Amino acid sequence: MHENGADQISFDELNNDLAAMGLEQFDYNSFVAEYKSDPKLKGIIKNFNDQGIMFKQGNASDLGAPAMGKSKVPAMAKRATNVGAEL
């Protein structure tokens, strides 16, 4: 979404997209916990509240190096982009 130029998304829209990909969904409290534990999110999130998320504008280099630790986001991204064997 960030890479496609979106500047904000509601939690409902985010969860619809995540559900369509078979990924974990977030409510405000679970997003706060993930945001605090994943420095990559801090690189792309400008602000958020109980209504949704506002992205910083920029490019994918804002994501920085992979984070170490217990973050679920890298695993989620890997599952989302794993579309099977190459053709």
N, C-alpha and C. Protein backbone atom coordinates (compact mmCIF):
# COMPACT_ATOMS: atom_id res chain seq x y z
N MET A 1 0.83 -1.19 0.00
CA MET A 1 0.00 0.00 0.00
C MET A 1 0.87 1.26 0.00
N HIS A 2 1.86 1.26 0.89
CA HIS A 2 2.80 2.38 0.97
C HIS A 2 3.51 2.56 -0.36
N GLU A 3 3.99 1.45 -0.93
CA GLU A 3 4.73 1.53 -2.19
C GLU A 3 3.83 1.97 -3.34
N ASN A 4 2.53 1.76 -3.22
CA ASN A 4 1.60 2.15 -4.27
C ASN A 4 1.11 3.58 -4.12
N GLY A 5 1.66 4.33 -3.15
CA GLY A 5 1.32 5.72 -3.01
C GLY A 5 0.16 6.01 -2.07
N ALA A 6 -0.38 4.98 -1.41
CA ALA A 6 -1.47 5.21 -0.46
C ALA A 6 -0.94 6.05 0.71
N ASP A 7 -1.73 7.04 1.14
CA ASP A 7 -1.28 7.85 2.27
C ASP A 7 -1.95 7.45 3.58
N GLN A 8 -3.06 6.68 3.48
CA GLN A 8 -3.70 6.20 4.70
C GLN A 8 -4.60 5.02 4.39
N ILE A 9 -4.94 4.27 5.45
CA ILE A 9 -5.85 3.13 5.31
C ILE A 9 -6.55 2.92 6.64
N SER A 10 -7.81 2.57 6.57
CA SER A 10 -8.54 2.27 7.80
C SER A 10 -8.21 0.84 8.24
N PHE A 11 -8.45 0.53 9.50
CA PHE A 11 -8.22 -0.83 9.97
C PHE A 11 -9.15 -1.81 9.26
N ASP A 12 -10.36 -1.39 8.93
CA ASP A 12 -11.28 -2.26 8.19
C ASP A 12 -10.71 -2.60 6.82
N GLU A 13 -10.20 -1.60 6.09
CA GLU A 13 -9.60 -1.84 4.77
C GLU A 13 -8.36 -2.73 4.89
N LEU A 14 -7.51 -2.42 5.87
CA LEU A 14 -6.31 -3.22 6.09
C LEU A 14 -6.67 -4.67 6.36
N ASN A 15 -7.64 -4.88 7.25
CA ASN A 15 -8.02 -6.24 7.61
C ASN A 15 -8.68 -6.98 6.45
N ASN A 16 -9.42 -6.28 5.60
CA ASN A 16 -9.98 -6.91 4.41
C ASN A 16 -8.87 -7.39 3.49
N ASP A 17 -7.86 -6.55 3.29
CA ASP A 17 -6.72 -6.93 2.44
C ASP A 17 -5.94 -8.09 3.06
N LEU A 18 -5.69 -8.03 4.37
CA LEU A 18 -4.96 -9.11 5.04
C LEU A 18 -5.74 -10.42 5.00
N ALA A 19 -7.04 -10.35 5.22
CA ALA A 19 -7.88 -11.55 5.18
C ALA A 19 -7.86 -12.18 3.79
N ALA A 20 -7.88 -11.35 2.76
CA ALA A 20 -7.84 -11.86 1.38
C ALA A 20 -6.53 -12.59 1.09
N MET A 21 -5.47 -12.21 1.80
CA MET A 21 -4.18 -12.87 1.63
C MET A 21 -3.98 -14.00 2.64
N GLY A 22 -4.97 -14.22 3.51
CA GLY A 22 -4.85 -15.28 4.51
C GLY A 22 -3.90 -14.94 5.64
N LEU A 23 -3.76 -13.64 5.92
CA LEU A 23 -2.82 -13.19 6.94
C LEU A 23 -3.53 -12.72 8.19
N GLU A 24 -2.76 -12.61 9.26
CA GLU A 24 -3.26 -12.14 10.54
C GLU A 24 -3.85 -10.74 10.41
N GLN A 25 -4.95 -10.51 11.11
CA GLN A 25 -5.58 -9.20 11.09
C GLN A 25 -5.26 -8.46 12.39
N PHE A 26 -5.46 -7.14 12.37
CA PHE A 26 -5.11 -6.29 13.50
C PHE A 26 -6.31 -5.51 13.99
N ASP A 27 -6.38 -5.33 15.30
CA ASP A 27 -7.22 -4.29 15.86
C ASP A 27 -6.26 -3.22 16.37
N TYR A 28 -6.77 -2.15 16.90
CA TYR A 28 -5.90 -1.05 17.33
C TYR A 28 -4.86 -1.53 18.33
N ASN A 29 -5.27 -2.28 19.35
CA ASN A 29 -4.33 -2.70 20.40
C ASN A 29 -3.25 -3.65 19.87
N SER A 30 -3.62 -4.58 19.01
CA SER A 30 -2.60 -5.48 18.47
C SER A 30 -1.66 -4.73 17.52
N PHE A 31 -2.17 -3.70 16.82
CA PHE A 31 -1.31 -2.90 15.95
C PHE A 31 -0.31 -2.09 16.79
N VAL A 32 -0.77 -1.53 17.91
CA VAL A 32 0.12 -0.79 18.80
C VAL A 32 1.27 -1.68 19.24
N ALA A 33 0.96 -2.91 19.65
CA ALA A 33 2.00 -3.84 20.09
C ALA A 33 2.99 -4.14 18.97
N GLU A 34 2.49 -4.38 17.76
CA GLU A 34 3.36 -4.67 16.62
C GLU A 34 4.21 -3.45 16.26
N TYR A 35 3.61 -2.27 16.29
CA TYR A 35 4.32 -1.03 15.98
C TYR A 35 5.48 -0.82 16.95
N LYS A 36 5.24 -1.08 18.22
CA LYS A 36 6.29 -0.89 19.24
C LYS A 36 7.43 -1.89 19.08
N SER A 37 7.14 -3.06 18.52
CA SER A 37 8.16 -4.10 18.44
C SER A 37 8.87 -4.17 17.09
N ASP A 38 8.38 -3.46 16.09
CA ASP A 38 8.96 -3.56 14.75
C ASP A 38 9.44 -2.20 14.24
N PRO A 39 10.76 -1.98 14.24
CA PRO A 39 11.28 -0.68 13.79
C PRO A 39 10.97 -0.38 12.33
N LYS A 40 10.74 -1.39 11.50
CA LYS A 40 10.41 -1.13 10.09
C LYS A 40 9.07 -0.41 9.97
N LEU A 41 8.13 -0.74 10.83
CA LEU A 41 6.84 -0.05 10.78
C LEU A 41 7.00 1.43 11.10
N LYS A 42 7.88 1.74 12.04
CA LYS A 42 8.13 3.14 12.39
C LYS A 42 8.69 3.91 11.20
N GLY A 43 9.36 3.21 10.29
CA GLY A 43 9.93 3.85 9.11
C GLY A 43 8.90 4.21 8.05
N ILE A 44 7.73 3.56 8.08
CA ILE A 44 6.74 3.83 7.04
C ILE A 44 5.44 4.42 7.58
N ILE A 45 5.25 4.38 8.90
CA ILE A 45 4.02 4.88 9.51
C ILE A 45 4.25 6.30 10.02
N LYS A 46 3.47 7.23 9.51
CA LYS A 46 3.55 8.62 9.96
C LYS A 46 2.82 8.78 11.28
N ASN A 47 1.62 8.21 11.36
CA ASN A 47 0.78 8.32 12.54
C ASN A 47 -0.31 7.27 12.44
N PHE A 48 -0.93 6.95 13.56
CA PHE A 48 -2.08 6.06 13.53
C PHE A 48 -2.95 6.33 14.74
N ASN A 49 -4.20 5.95 14.63
CA ASN A 49 -5.13 6.06 15.74
C ASN A 49 -6.11 4.90 15.64
N ASP A 50 -7.16 4.94 16.44
CA ASP A 50 -8.08 3.81 16.44
C ASP A 50 -8.90 3.70 15.15
N GLN A 51 -8.82 4.69 14.28
CA GLN A 51 -9.53 4.68 13.01
C GLN A 51 -8.70 4.11 11.86
N GLY A 52 -7.38 4.27 11.92
CA GLY A 52 -6.55 3.79 10.82
C GLY A 52 -5.11 4.23 10.91
N ILE A 53 -4.42 4.05 9.80
CA ILE A 53 -2.98 4.25 9.70
C ILE A 53 -2.69 5.27 8.62
N MET A 54 -1.79 6.21 8.91
CA MET A 54 -1.33 7.19 7.93
C MET A 54 0.14 6.90 7.62
N PHE A 55 0.43 6.72 6.33
CA PHE A 55 1.78 6.37 5.91
C PHE A 55 2.64 7.60 5.66
N LYS A 56 3.95 7.45 5.93
CA LYS A 56 4.91 8.46 5.49
C LYS A 56 5.01 8.31 3.99
N GLN A 57 5.22 9.39 3.30
CA GLN A 57 5.40 9.30 1.86
C GLN A 57 6.88 9.16 1.57
N GLY A 58 7.22 8.31 0.65
CA GLY A 58 8.61 8.05 0.30
C GLY A 58 8.66 6.80 -0.53
N ASN A 59 9.81 6.13 -0.48
CA ASN A 59 9.92 4.92 -1.27
C ASN A 59 10.24 3.72 -0.38
N ALA A 60 10.41 2.58 -1.00
CA ALA A 60 10.61 1.34 -0.25
C ALA A 60 11.89 1.36 0.56
N SER A 61 12.87 2.22 0.21
CA SER A 61 14.11 2.28 0.98
C SER A 61 13.84 2.78 2.40
N ASP A 62 12.67 3.37 2.65
CA ASP A 62 12.32 3.79 4.00
C ASP A 62 12.24 2.61 4.95
N LEU A 63 12.08 1.42 4.41
CA LEU A 63 11.92 0.25 5.25
C LEU A 63 13.21 -0.13 5.97
N GLY A 64 14.34 0.18 5.41
CA GLY A 64 15.61 -0.10 6.07
C GLY A 64 15.94 -1.58 6.06
N ALA A 65 16.89 -1.95 6.92
CA ALA A 65 17.36 -3.33 7.01
C ALA A 65 16.34 -4.18 7.75
N PRO A 66 16.37 -5.48 7.50
CA PRO A 66 15.45 -6.36 8.21
C PRO A 66 15.64 -6.28 9.72
N ALA A 67 14.54 -6.31 10.43
CA ALA A 67 14.59 -6.24 11.89
C ALA A 67 14.85 -7.61 12.47
N MET A 68 15.56 -7.65 13.56
CA MET A 68 15.79 -8.88 14.28
C MET A 68 14.77 -8.95 15.40
N GLY A 69 14.38 -10.14 15.79
CA GLY A 69 13.46 -10.26 16.91
C GLY A 69 12.24 -11.06 16.56
N LYS A 70 11.18 -10.84 17.33
CA LYS A 70 9.98 -11.66 17.24
C LYS A 70 8.90 -11.08 16.34
N SER A 71 9.23 -10.14 15.49
CA SER A 71 8.22 -9.49 14.66
C SER A 71 7.56 -10.49 13.72
N LYS A 72 6.26 -10.36 13.55
CA LYS A 72 5.49 -11.22 12.66
C LYS A 72 5.44 -10.65 11.25
N VAL A 73 5.74 -9.38 11.08
CA VAL A 73 5.59 -8.73 9.78
C VAL A 73 6.47 -9.37 8.71
N PRO A 74 7.76 -9.65 8.95
CA PRO A 74 8.56 -10.27 7.89
C PRO A 74 7.99 -11.62 7.45
N ALA A 75 7.54 -12.43 8.40
CA ALA A 75 6.96 -13.72 8.04
C ALA A 75 5.67 -13.54 7.26
N MET A 76 4.87 -12.55 7.66
CA MET A 76 3.63 -12.27 6.95
C MET A 76 3.92 -11.84 5.52
N ALA A 77 4.91 -10.99 5.35
CA ALA A 77 5.26 -10.52 4.01
C ALA A 77 5.77 -11.66 3.14
N LYS A 78 6.56 -12.55 3.73
CA LYS A 78 7.07 -13.68 2.98
C LYS A 78 5.92 -14.58 2.51
N ARG A 79 4.97 -14.86 3.41
CA ARG A 79 3.82 -15.68 3.03
C ARG A 79 2.99 -14.99 1.94
N ALA A 80 2.87 -13.67 2.05
CA ALA A 80 2.04 -12.93 1.09
C ALA A 80 2.66 -12.92 -0.30
N THR A 81 3.98 -13.00 -0.37
CA THR A 81 4.64 -12.94 -1.68
C THR A 81 5.03 -14.31 -2.21
N ASN A 82 4.81 -15.35 -1.44
CA ASN A 82 5.13 -16.70 -1.88
C ASN A 82 3.95 -17.23 -2.68
N VAL A 83 4.05 -17.13 -4.00
CA VAL A 83 2.96 -17.52 -4.87
C VAL A 83 3.19 -18.87 -5.52
N GLY A 84 4.19 -19.59 -5.08
CA GLY A 84 4.44 -20.92 -5.62
C GLY A 84 5.67 -20.97 -6.50
N ALA A 85 5.79 -22.08 -7.19
CA ALA A 85 6.96 -22.32 -8.04
C ALA A 85 6.97 -21.37 -9.23
N GLU A 86 8.18 -21.07 -9.67
CA GLU A 86 8.33 -20.22 -10.85
C GLU A 86 7.79 -20.96 -12.07
N LEU A 87 7.28 -20.21 -13.01
CA LEU A 87 6.75 -20.80 -14.24
C LEU A 87 7.83 -20.99 -15.25
